[in-house]
C-alpha atoms as a PDB file:
ATOM      1  CA  MET A   1       0.319  -0.111  -0.045  1.00  0.00           C
ATOM      2  CA  GLU A   2       1.252   3.312  -1.027  1.00  0.00           C
ATOM      3  CA  PHE A   3       1.127   6.700   1.035  1.00  0.00           C
ATOM      4  CA  LYS A   4      -1.856   7.985  -1.117  1.00  0.00           C
ATOM      5  CA  ASP A   5      -3.885   5.031  -0.248  1.00  0.00           C
ATOM      6  CA  LEU A   6      -4.048   5.469   3.358  1.00  0.00           C
ATOM      7  CA  PRO A   7      -7.074   6.585   5.230  1.00  0.00           C
ATOM      8  CA  LYS A   8      -7.230  10.286   5.314  1.00  0.00           C
ATOM      9  CA  ALA A   9      -6.776  11.083   8.828  1.00  0.00           C
ATOM     10  CA  ARG A  10      -3.527   8.461   8.900  1.00  0.00           C
ATOM     11  CA  ARG A  11      -2.168  10.481   6.130  1.00  0.00           C
ATOM     12  CA  GLN A  12      -2.777  13.756   7.749  1.00  0.00           C
ATOM     13  CA  LYS A  13      -1.350  12.527  11.291  1.00  0.00           C
ATOM     14  CA  ILE A  14       1.759  11.659   9.801  1.00  0.00           C
ATOM     15  CA  MET A  15       1.856  14.918   7.785  1.00  0.00           C
ATOM     16  CA  ASP A  16       1.521  16.840  10.858  1.00  0.00           C
ATOM     17  CA  ALA A  17       4.233  15.052  12.701  1.00  0.00           C
ATOM     18  CA  ALA A  18       6.541  15.583   9.763  1.00  0.00           C
ATOM     19  CA  MET A  19       5.568  19.467   9.807  1.00  0.00           C
ATOM     20  CA  GLU A  20       6.088  19.592  13.170  1.00  0.00           C
ATOM     21  CA  GLU A  21       9.489  18.216  13.477  1.00  0.00           C
ATOM     22  CA  PHE A  22      10.659  19.985  10.113  1.00  0.00           C
ATOM     23  CA  ALA A  23       9.470  23.471  11.535  1.00  0.00           C
ATOM     24  CA  ALA A  24      11.437  22.931  14.936  1.00  0.00           C
ATOM     25  CA  HIS A  25      14.549  21.925  13.398  1.00  0.00           C
ATOM     26  CA  ASP A  26      16.302  22.366   9.960  1.00  0.00           C
ATOM     27  CA  TYR A  27      16.478  19.823   7.511  1.00  0.00           C
ATOM     28  CA  ARG A  28      19.930  18.020   8.879  1.00  0.00           C
ATOM     29  CA  GLY A  29      18.480  18.268  12.785  1.00  0.00           C
ATOM     30  CA  ALA A  30      15.338  16.631  11.723  1.00  0.00           C
ATOM     31  CA  ASN A  31      14.769  13.375  13.508  1.00  0.00           C
ATOM     32  CA  THR A  32      12.610  10.807  11.291  1.00  0.00           C
ATOM     33  CA  GLU A  33      12.469   8.709  14.506  1.00  0.00           C
ATOM     34  CA  THR A  34      10.512  11.202  16.282  1.00  0.00           C
ATOM     35  CA  ILE A  35       8.312  11.847  12.995  1.00  0.00           C
ATOM     36  CA  ALA A  36       7.173   8.188  13.187  1.00  0.00           C
ATOM     37  CA  ALA A  37       6.390   8.200  16.512  1.00  0.00           C
ATOM     38  CA  LYS A  38       4.605  10.904  16.500  1.00  0.00           C
ATOM     39  CA  GLY A  39       2.958   9.776  13.459  1.00  0.00           C
ATOM     40  CA  GLY A  40       2.089   6.624  14.720  1.00  0.00           C
ATOM     41  CA  ILE A  41       3.824   4.299  13.034  1.00  0.00           C
ATOM     42  CA  SER A  42       7.555   2.439  12.699  1.00  0.00           C
ATOM     43  CA  LYS A  43      10.678   4.183  11.137  1.00  0.00           C
ATOM     44  CA  GLY A  44      10.561   1.409   8.990  1.00  0.00           C
ATOM     45  CA  LEU A  45       7.177   1.837   7.823  1.00  0.00           C
ATOM     46  CA  LEU A  46       7.513   5.640   7.290  1.00  0.00           C
ATOM     47  CA  PHE A  47      10.772   4.906   5.042  1.00  0.00           C
ATOM     48  CA  TYR A  48       8.302   2.040   2.927  1.00  0.00           C
ATOM     49  CA  TYR A  49       5.986   4.977   2.353  1.00  0.00           C
ATOM     50  CA  PHE A  50       8.902   7.746   1.619  1.00  0.00           C
ATOM     51  CA  LYS A  51      12.082   6.016   0.085  1.00  0.00           C
ATOM     52  CA  ASN A  52      14.177   8.368   2.508  1.00  0.00           C
ATOM     53  CA  LYS A  53      14.243  11.576   4.251  1.00  0.00           C
ATOM     54  CA  LYS A  54      14.308  13.743   1.612  1.00  0.00           C
ATOM     55  CA  SER A  55      11.300  12.058  -0.382  1.00  0.00           C
ATOM     56  CA  LEU A  56       9.532  12.741   2.844  1.00  0.00           C
ATOM     57  CA  TYR A  57      10.531  16.539   3.122  1.00  0.00           C
ATOM     58  CA  LEU A  58       9.636  17.161  -0.531  1.00  0.00           C
ATOM     59  CA  THR A  59       6.434  15.561  -0.224  1.00  0.00           C
ATOM     60  CA  LEU A  60       5.676  17.587   2.605  1.00  0.00           C
ATOM     61  CA  VAL A  61       6.706  20.836   0.974  1.00  0.00           C
ATOM     62  CA  ARG A  62       3.994  19.879  -1.718  1.00  0.00           C
ATOM     63  CA  HIS A  63       1.549  19.323   0.783  1.00  0.00           C
ATOM     64  CA  ALA A  64       1.816  22.568   2.771  1.00  0.00           C
ATOM     65  CA  GLY A  65       1.234  24.210  -0.785  1.00  0.00           C
ATOM     66  CA  ALA A  66      -2.020  22.100  -1.094  1.00  0.00           C
ATOM     67  CA  VAL A  67      -2.849  22.780   2.454  1.00  0.00           C
ATOM     68  CA  VAL A  68      -2.607  26.472   1.802  1.00  0.00           C
ATOM     69  CA  GLU A  69      -4.587  26.617  -1.360  1.00  0.00           C
ATOM     70  CA  ARG A  70      -7.325  24.511  -0.008  1.00  0.00           C
ATOM     71  CA  ALA A  71      -7.628  27.022   3.309  1.00  0.00           C
ATOM     72  CA  MET A  72      -7.341  30.044   0.944  1.00  0.00           C
ATOM     73  CA  GLN A  73     -10.453  28.833  -1.196  1.00  0.00           C
ATOM     74  CA  LEU A  74      -8.918  30.108  -4.347  1.00  0.00           C
ATOM     75  CA  GLU A  75     -10.858  30.735  -7.526  1.00  0.00           C
ATOM     76  CA  PRO A  76      -9.133  31.799 -10.738  1.00  0.00           C
ATOM     77  CA  ALA A  77      -9.353  35.550 -11.259  1.00  0.00           C
ATOM     78  CA  PRO A  78     -12.229  36.588 -13.753  1.00  0.00           C
ATOM     79  CA  PRO A  79     -11.056  37.600 -17.426  1.00  0.00           C
ATOM     80  CA  GLY A  80      -9.976  41.523 -17.314  1.00  0.00           C
ATOM     81  CA  THR A  81      -9.524  41.581 -13.563  1.00  0.00           C
ATOM     82  CA  ASP A  82      -6.950  44.246 -12.078  1.00  0.00           C
ATOM     83  CA  LEU A  83      -3.735  42.160 -10.788  1.00  0.00           C
ATOM     84  CA  PHE A  84      -3.285  44.297  -7.894  1.00  0.00           C
ATOM     85  CA  ASP A  85      -6.857  44.199  -6.835  1.00  0.00           C
ATOM     86  CA  TYR A  86      -6.659  40.510  -7.084  1.00  0.00           C
ATOM     87  CA  LEU A  87      -3.415  39.912  -5.151  1.00  0.00           C
ATOM     88  CA  ASN A  88      -5.098  42.315  -2.172  1.00  0.00           C
ATOM     89  CA  GLU A  89      -7.712  39.715  -1.816  1.00  0.00           C
ATOM     90  CA  LEU A  90      -5.245  37.008  -1.847  1.00  0.00           C
ATOM     91  CA  ALA A  91      -3.088  38.484   0.479  1.00  0.00           C
ATOM     92  CA  GLY A  92      -6.032  39.082   2.822  1.00  0.00           C
ATOM     93  CA  LYS A  93      -6.835  35.325   2.807  1.00  0.00           C
ATOM     94  CA  LYS A  94      -3.688  34.326   2.963  1.00  0.00           C
ATOM     95  CA  ILE A  95      -2.790  36.387   6.316  1.00  0.00           C
ATOM     96  CA  ALA A  96      -5.673  34.811   7.797  1.00  0.00           C
ATOM     97  CA  VAL A  97      -4.517  31.248   7.089  1.00  0.00           C
ATOM     98  CA  LEU A  98      -0.897  31.810   7.797  1.00  0.00           C
ATOM     99  CA  GLU A  99      -2.139  33.291  11.055  1.00  0.00           C
ATOM    100  CA  SER A 100      -4.051  30.140  12.158  1.00  0.00           C
ATOM    101  CA  MET A 101      -1.075  27.612  11.406  1.00  0.00           C
ATOM    102  CA  PRO A 102       2.151  28.974  12.923  1.00  0.00           C
ATOM    103  CA  ALA A 103       3.837  25.749  12.047  1.00  0.00           C
ATOM    104  CA  LEU A 104       3.181  25.889   8.723  1.00  0.00           C
ATOM    105  CA  VAL A 105       5.055  29.506   8.756  1.00  0.00           C
ATOM    106  CA  GLN A 106       8.141  28.258  10.344  1.00  0.00           C
ATOM    107  CA  PHE A 107       8.107  25.428   7.743  1.00  0.00           C
ATOM    108  CA  SER A 108       7.877  27.386   4.989  1.00  0.00           C
ATOM    109  CA  VAL A 109      10.534  29.788   6.425  1.00  0.00           C
ATOM    110  CA  ARG A 110      13.321  26.884   6.535  1.00  0.00           C
ATOM    111  CA  VAL A 111      12.099  25.261   3.297  1.00  0.00           C
ATOM    112  CA  PHE A 112      13.420  28.829   1.646  1.00  0.00           C
ATOM    113  CA  TYR A 113      16.435  29.179   3.780  1.00  0.00           C
ATOM    114  CA  ASP A 114      17.049  26.594   5.706  1.00  0.00           C
ATOM    115  CA  GLY A 115      17.446  23.151   3.451  1.00  0.00           C
ATOM    116  CA  GLY A 116      20.989  22.824   3.036  1.00  0.00           C
ATOM    117  CA  ALA A 117      22.684  20.911  -0.006  1.00  0.00           C
ATOM    118  CA  GLN A 118      20.885  17.788   0.267  1.00  0.00           C
ATOM    119  CA  VAL A 119      17.287  19.573  -0.695  1.00  0.00           C
ATOM    120  CA  SER A 120      18.075  22.982  -1.728  1.00  0.00           C
ATOM    121  CA  PRO A 121      18.235  22.315  -5.729  1.00  0.00           C
ATOM    122  CA  ALA A 122      15.175  19.915  -5.473  1.00  0.00           C
ATOM    123  CA  ILE A 123      13.403  22.996  -3.625  1.00  0.00           C
ATOM    124  CA  ASN A 124      14.512  25.329  -6.141  1.00  0.00           C
ATOM    125  CA  ARG A 125      12.797  23.285  -9.082  1.00  0.00           C
ATOM    126  CA  PHE A 126       9.713  22.636  -7.459  1.00  0.00           C
ATOM    127  CA  LEU A 127       9.069  26.449  -6.359  1.00  0.00           C
ATOM    128  CA  LEU A 128       9.840  27.514  -9.499  1.00  0.00           C
ATOM    129  CA  HIS A 129       7.330  25.032 -11.229  1.00  0.00           C
ATOM    130  CA  TYR A 130       4.852  25.772  -8.409  1.00  0.00           C
ATOM    131  CA  THR A 131       4.675  29.553  -8.989  1.00  0.00           C
ATOM    132  CA  ASP A 132       4.470  28.653 -12.687  1.00  0.00           C
ATOM    133  CA  GLU A 133       1.312  26.649 -11.849  1.00  0.00           C
ATOM    134  CA  LEU A 134      -0.067  28.746  -9.648  1.00  0.00           C
ATOM    135  CA  PHE A 135      -0.282  31.919 -12.191  1.00  0.00           C
ATOM    136  CA  ASP A 136      -1.555  29.715 -14.770  1.00  0.00           C
ATOM    137  CA  LYS A 137      -4.455  28.405 -12.553  1.00  0.00           C
ATOM    138  CA  TYR A 138      -5.302  31.683 -10.960  1.00  0.00           C
ATOM    139  CA  LEU A 139      -3.673  34.776 -12.541  1.00  0.00           C
ATOM    140  CA  SER A 140      -3.482  33.955 -16.437  1.00  0.00           C
ATOM    141  CA  GLN A 141      -6.718  36.538 -17.242  1.00  0.00           C
ATOM    142  CA  VAL A 142      -5.990  39.238 -15.490  1.00  0.00           C
ATOM    143  CA  ASP A 143      -6.022  42.582 -17.366  1.00  0.00           C
ATOM    144  CA  THR A 144      -2.646  43.554 -18.895  1.00  0.00           C
ATOM    145  CA  SER A 145      -3.658  46.532 -20.861  1.00  0.00           C
ATOM    146  CA  ARG A 146      -2.270  48.867 -18.068  1.00  0.00           C
ATOM    147  CA  PHE A 147       1.254  47.517 -18.081  1.00  0.00           C
ATOM    148  CA  LYS A 148       4.053  49.851 -19.439  1.00  0.00           C
ATOM    149  CA  PRO A 149       5.802  47.743 -22.682  1.00  0.00           C
ATOM    150  CA  GLY A 150       8.026  45.053 -21.177  1.00  0.00           C
ATOM    151  CA  PHE A 151       6.443  44.558 -18.445  1.00  0.00           C
ATOM    152  CA  THR A 152       3.510  41.802 -17.581  1.00  0.00           C
ATOM    153  CA  PRO A 153       1.557  40.522 -14.766  1.00  0.00           C
ATOM    154  CA  ARG A 154       4.441  37.333 -14.309  1.00  0.00           C
ATOM    155  CA  LYS A 155       6.911  40.119 -13.852  1.00  0.00           C
ATOM    156  CA  ALA A 156       5.201  42.207 -11.066  1.00  0.00           C
ATOM    157  CA  ILE A 157       4.518  38.974  -9.252  1.00  0.00           C
ATOM    158  CA  ASP A 158       8.451  38.135  -9.492  1.00  0.00           C
ATOM    159  CA  LEU A 159       9.062  41.673  -8.398  1.00  0.00           C
ATOM    160  CA  LEU A 160       6.829  41.061  -5.162  1.00  0.00           C
ATOM    161  CA  ILE A 161       8.467  37.491  -4.747  1.00  0.00           C
ATOM    162  CA  TYR A 162      11.988  39.396  -4.576  1.00  0.00           C
ATOM    163  CA  LEU A 163      10.848  41.893  -2.119  1.00  0.00           C
ATOM    164  CA  THR A 164       9.357  39.612   0.209  1.00  0.00           C
ATOM    165  CA  ASP A 165      12.522  37.244  -0.295  1.00  0.00           C
ATOM    166  CA  GLY A 166      14.704  40.275   0.568  1.00  0.00           C
ATOM    167  CA  TYR A 167      12.827  41.081   3.597  1.00  0.00           C
ATOM    168  CA  VAL A 168      12.594  37.503   5.413  1.00  0.00           C
ATOM    169  CA  HIS A 169      16.632  37.052   4.323  1.00  0.00           C
ATOM    170  CA  SER A 170      17.041  40.408   6.283  1.00  0.00           C
ATOM    171  CA  LEU A 171      15.219  39.766   9.464  1.00  0.00           C
ATOM    172  CA  LEU A 172      16.952  36.016   9.456  1.00  0.00           C
ATOM    173  CA  MET A 173      20.232  37.325   9.283  1.00  0.00           C
ATOM    174  CA  ALA A 174      19.328  40.162  12.054  1.00  0.00           C
ATOM    175  CA  GLY A 175      18.152  36.853  14.082  1.00  0.00           C
ATOM    176  CA  GLN A 176      14.714  38.429  14.064  1.00  0.00           C
ATOM    177  CA  PRO A 177      11.277  36.355  14.049  1.00  0.00           C
ATOM    178  CA  LEU A 178       9.318  36.442  11.073  1.00  0.00           C
ATOM    179  CA  ASP A 179       5.932  38.508  12.169  1.00  0.00           C
ATOM    180  CA  VAL A 180       3.568  37.710   9.989  1.00  0.00           C
ATOM    181  CA  PRO A 181       0.743  40.868  10.189  1.00  0.00           C
ATOM    182  CA  GLU A 182       4.222  43.037   9.971  1.00  0.00           C
ATOM    183  CA  LEU A 183       5.078  41.131   6.693  1.00  0.00           C
ATOM    184  CA  TYR A 184       1.440  41.848   5.769  1.00  0.00           C
ATOM    185  CA  ARG A 185       1.612  45.684   6.120  1.00  0.00           C
ATOM    186  CA  GLN A 186       4.957  45.711   4.177  1.00  0.00           C
ATOM    187  CA  TYR A 187       3.624  43.406   1.418  1.00  0.00           C
ATOM    188  CA  HIS A 188       1.104  46.409   1.088  1.00  0.00           C
ATOM    189  CA  ILE A 189       3.610  48.976   0.583  1.00  0.00           C
ATOM    190  CA  TRP A 190       5.649  47.035  -2.139  1.00  0.00           C
ATOM    191  CA  GLN A 191       2.483  45.948  -3.576  1.00  0.00           C
ATOM    192  CA  GLU A 192       2.151  50.218  -4.637  1.00  0.00           C
ATOM    193  CA  MET A 193       5.595  50.414  -5.223  1.00  0.00           C
ATOM    194  CA  VAL A 194       5.509  47.444  -7.787  1.00  0.00           C
ATOM    195  CA  ARG A 195       2.020  48.805  -9.060  1.00  0.00           C
ATOM    196  CA  ASP A 196       3.527  52.457  -9.905  1.00  0.00           C
ATOM    197  CA  PHE A 197       6.639  50.791 -11.306  1.00  0.00           C
ATOM    198  CA  VAL A 198       4.830  48.487 -14.125  1.00  0.00           C
ATOM    199  CA  TYR A 199       1.464  50.426 -14.713  1.00  0.00           C
ATOM    200  CA  LYS A 200       1.201  53.240 -17.497  1.00  0.00           C
ATOM    201  CA  THR A 201       1.009  56.848 -15.985  1.00  0.00           C
ATOM    202  CA  GLU A 202      -2.900  57.783 -15.774  1.00  0.00           C
ATOM    203  CA  GLU A 203      -3.508  60.839 -17.318  1.00  0.00           C
ATOM    204  CA  PRO A 204      -5.185  63.626 -15.801  1.00  0.00           C
END
């Protein structure tokens, strides 16, 4: 029997145990024996379902993304939607989800900044693919008429990702914790900056 064939409650218990452990420790420091024990299975069975620690970790990354998507109840932007109006809507939903899931927030930070050489290349490939997938699924029909030549909705998204990444990295370098509400406030500032940068100037 594969992991996907297990009853939903059992899969969730194992994923919750893995999330808790990988949120509390970096990739190398996370203990698979602890995950197995908290997940209610043996370590041997854990590695039967997941070939190795790396496979478990990458499965958990995909699981975390799916959890956030479901919790946000995302719907594709209707044709002609303003990109930044839609991003405001998404940000409001996401902040509520993240505030209710502190372990997921901590795990997500570790995924970006604490994975180590063993998993970072695979994580980077997944995140690039996942960003493309999310854009195609939810943002492909936004209004493009207001963008300056050479700019696209995807480039605007990339700029926001770079700003967020830089902000979180600076906090970690300074040894400061990630404050989700403060990140939300900063995000709105960056969003207005990017909007002004990529949109044509409106004539009076």
